Amino acid sequence: MTTTITVEGMSCEHCEQTVEEALHDVDGITNATANHEAKEVSIDGDADTSELVQAVENAGYTANV
């Protein structure tokens, strides 16, 4: 299952990497690809949306489904 969430606050490739790493730490996630220009991250795997949002916010960004 692929989920796309909006992420506010990413401004560079380092930000993308930070968000991707935070999401890879969530159980059930097989891949996460962030795009700071589109302000989105695409996530593959079986995880609850609230867990995904929480992981992004714990990394210092604002996330919306």
N, C-alpha and C. Protein backbone atom coordinates (compact mmCIF):
# COMPACT_ATOMS: atom_id res chain seq x y z
N MET A 1 0.84 -1.17 0.00
CA MET A 1 0.00 0.00 0.00
C MET A 1 0.89 1.24 0.00
N THR A 2 0.57 2.21 -0.84
CA THR A 2 1.32 3.45 -0.91
C THR A 2 0.48 4.59 -0.34
N THR A 3 1.09 5.35 0.53
CA THR A 3 0.45 6.51 1.15
C THR A 3 1.28 7.74 0.83
N THR A 4 0.61 8.83 0.49
CA THR A 4 1.30 10.09 0.24
C THR A 4 0.82 11.10 1.27
N ILE A 5 1.78 11.73 1.94
CA ILE A 5 1.42 12.77 2.89
C ILE A 5 2.16 14.06 2.54
N THR A 6 1.57 15.17 2.90
CA THR A 6 2.16 16.49 2.69
C THR A 6 3.06 16.81 3.87
N VAL A 7 4.25 17.32 3.56
CA VAL A 7 5.21 17.67 4.61
C VAL A 7 5.64 19.12 4.42
N GLU A 8 5.37 19.93 5.43
CA GLU A 8 5.78 21.34 5.42
C GLU A 8 7.11 21.46 6.15
N GLY A 9 7.98 22.31 5.62
CA GLY A 9 9.24 22.60 6.28
C GLY A 9 10.46 22.01 5.62
N MET A 10 10.28 21.11 4.64
CA MET A 10 11.43 20.58 3.92
C MET A 10 11.89 21.63 2.92
N SER A 11 13.21 21.92 2.92
CA SER A 11 13.70 22.94 2.00
C SER A 11 14.90 22.48 1.16
N CYS A 12 15.35 21.24 1.40
CA CYS A 12 16.53 20.77 0.68
C CYS A 12 16.59 19.24 0.68
N GLU A 13 17.61 18.70 0.02
CA GLU A 13 17.77 17.25 -0.05
C GLU A 13 18.08 16.65 1.32
N HIS A 14 18.78 17.39 2.16
CA HIS A 14 19.05 16.90 3.51
C HIS A 14 17.75 16.72 4.28
N CYS A 15 16.82 17.64 4.11
CA CYS A 15 15.51 17.53 4.74
C CYS A 15 14.80 16.27 4.26
N GLU A 16 14.86 16.02 2.96
CA GLU A 16 14.25 14.82 2.40
C GLU A 16 14.82 13.57 3.07
N GLN A 17 16.13 13.53 3.21
CA GLN A 17 16.80 12.38 3.82
C GLN A 17 16.37 12.21 5.27
N THR A 18 16.24 13.30 6.00
CA THR A 18 15.82 13.23 7.40
C THR A 18 14.42 12.64 7.51
N VAL A 19 13.50 13.08 6.66
CA VAL A 19 12.13 12.58 6.67
C VAL A 19 12.10 11.10 6.28
N GLU A 20 12.84 10.74 5.24
CA GLU A 20 12.88 9.35 4.80
C GLU A 20 13.41 8.44 5.90
N GLU A 21 14.48 8.85 6.56
CA GLU A 21 15.06 8.04 7.64
C GLU A 21 14.09 7.90 8.80
N ALA A 22 13.38 8.95 9.14
CA ALA A 22 12.40 8.89 10.22
C ALA A 22 11.30 7.88 9.89
N LEU A 23 10.88 7.86 8.65
CA LEU A 23 9.81 6.94 8.24
C LEU A 23 10.30 5.51 8.14
N HIS A 24 11.54 5.31 7.76
CA HIS A 24 12.09 3.95 7.68
C HIS A 24 12.15 3.30 9.06
N ASP A 25 12.15 4.10 10.13
CA ASP A 25 12.17 3.58 11.49
C ASP A 25 10.80 3.07 11.94
N VAL A 26 9.74 3.38 11.18
CA VAL A 26 8.40 2.92 11.52
C VAL A 26 8.24 1.47 11.05
N ASP A 27 7.77 0.62 11.95
CA ASP A 27 7.56 -0.79 11.60
C ASP A 27 6.58 -0.92 10.44
N GLY A 28 6.93 -1.77 9.48
CA GLY A 28 6.06 -2.05 8.35
C GLY A 28 6.34 -1.21 7.12
N ILE A 29 7.24 -0.24 7.22
CA ILE A 29 7.56 0.63 6.07
C ILE A 29 8.67 -0.03 5.25
N THR A 30 8.42 -0.17 3.95
CA THR A 30 9.42 -0.76 3.07
C THR A 30 10.18 0.28 2.27
N ASN A 31 9.56 1.46 2.05
CA ASN A 31 10.23 2.51 1.29
C ASN A 31 9.56 3.85 1.58
N ALA A 32 10.36 4.90 1.58
CA ALA A 32 9.84 6.27 1.72
C ALA A 32 10.65 7.17 0.81
N THR A 33 9.96 7.95 -0.02
CA THR A 33 10.62 8.85 -0.95
C THR A 33 10.04 10.25 -0.78
N ALA A 34 10.88 11.16 -0.30
CA ALA A 34 10.44 12.54 -0.06
C ALA A 34 10.86 13.44 -1.21
N ASN A 35 10.06 14.49 -1.44
CA ASN A 35 10.35 15.47 -2.47
C ASN A 35 10.07 16.85 -1.87
N HIS A 36 11.15 17.60 -1.57
CA HIS A 36 10.95 18.89 -0.90
C HIS A 36 10.28 19.91 -1.81
N GLU A 37 10.47 19.82 -3.12
CA GLU A 37 9.85 20.77 -4.03
C GLU A 37 8.33 20.56 -4.10
N ALA A 38 7.90 19.31 -4.06
CA ALA A 38 6.47 19.00 -4.08
C ALA A 38 5.85 19.03 -2.69
N LYS A 39 6.71 19.10 -1.66
CA LYS A 39 6.27 19.08 -0.26
C LYS A 39 5.49 17.81 0.05
N GLU A 40 5.97 16.68 -0.48
CA GLU A 40 5.30 15.41 -0.28
C GLU A 40 6.30 14.30 0.02
N VAL A 41 5.78 13.25 0.65
CA VAL A 41 6.55 12.02 0.82
C VAL A 41 5.62 10.86 0.48
N SER A 42 6.14 9.94 -0.32
CA SER A 42 5.40 8.75 -0.72
C SER A 42 5.96 7.58 0.08
N ILE A 43 5.06 6.85 0.74
CA ILE A 43 5.48 5.81 1.67
C ILE A 43 4.85 4.48 1.28
N ASP A 44 5.67 3.45 1.15
CA ASP A 44 5.20 2.10 0.85
C ASP A 44 5.28 1.26 2.12
N GLY A 45 4.22 0.50 2.37
CA GLY A 45 4.23 -0.40 3.51
C GLY A 45 2.91 -0.39 4.26
N ASP A 46 2.89 -1.16 5.32
CA ASP A 46 1.69 -1.29 6.15
C ASP A 46 1.93 -0.63 7.50
N ALA A 47 1.56 0.61 7.61
CA ALA A 47 1.65 1.33 8.88
C ALA A 47 0.46 2.27 8.97
N ASP A 48 0.03 2.51 10.16
CA ASP A 48 -1.09 3.40 10.40
C ASP A 48 -0.69 4.83 10.03
N THR A 49 -1.58 5.55 9.40
CA THR A 49 -1.29 6.91 8.96
C THR A 49 -0.86 7.80 10.13
N SER A 50 -1.48 7.61 11.28
CA SER A 50 -1.12 8.43 12.43
C SER A 50 0.33 8.19 12.86
N GLU A 51 0.82 6.96 12.69
CA GLU A 51 2.23 6.66 13.00
C GLU A 51 3.16 7.39 12.04
N LEU A 52 2.76 7.46 10.77
CA LEU A 52 3.57 8.14 9.76
C LEU A 52 3.65 9.63 10.06
N VAL A 53 2.52 10.23 10.35
CA VAL A 53 2.47 11.66 10.68
C VAL A 53 3.32 11.93 11.92
N GLN A 54 3.20 11.08 12.92
CA GLN A 54 3.96 11.27 14.16
C GLN A 54 5.46 11.17 13.91
N ALA A 55 5.89 10.23 13.07
CA ALA A 55 7.32 10.08 12.76
C ALA A 55 7.86 11.32 12.08
N VAL A 56 7.10 11.88 11.14
CA VAL A 56 7.54 13.10 10.45
C VAL A 56 7.60 14.27 11.42
N GLU A 57 6.60 14.38 12.27
CA GLU A 57 6.58 15.49 13.22
C GLU A 57 7.69 15.35 14.26
N ASN A 58 8.01 14.12 14.65
CA ASN A 58 9.12 13.91 15.59
C ASN A 58 10.45 14.30 14.96
N ALA A 59 10.52 14.27 13.62
CA ALA A 59 11.73 14.67 12.91
C ALA A 59 11.83 16.18 12.75
N GLY A 60 10.76 16.91 13.16
CA GLY A 60 10.81 18.36 13.14
C GLY A 60 10.04 19.03 12.01
N TYR A 61 9.17 18.30 11.36
CA TYR A 61 8.40 18.83 10.23
C TYR A 61 6.91 18.73 10.54
N THR A 62 6.10 19.41 9.76
CA THR A 62 4.65 19.34 9.89
C THR A 62 4.12 18.43 8.81
N ALA A 63 3.28 17.46 9.20
CA ALA A 63 2.74 16.49 8.24
C ALA A 63 1.23 16.53 8.23
N ASN A 64 0.66 16.38 7.04
CA ASN A 64 -0.79 16.32 6.86
C ASN A 64 -1.12 15.23 5.85
N VAL A 65 -2.21 14.53 6.12
CA VAL A 65 -2.63 13.46 5.22
C VAL A 65 -3.45 14.03 4.11
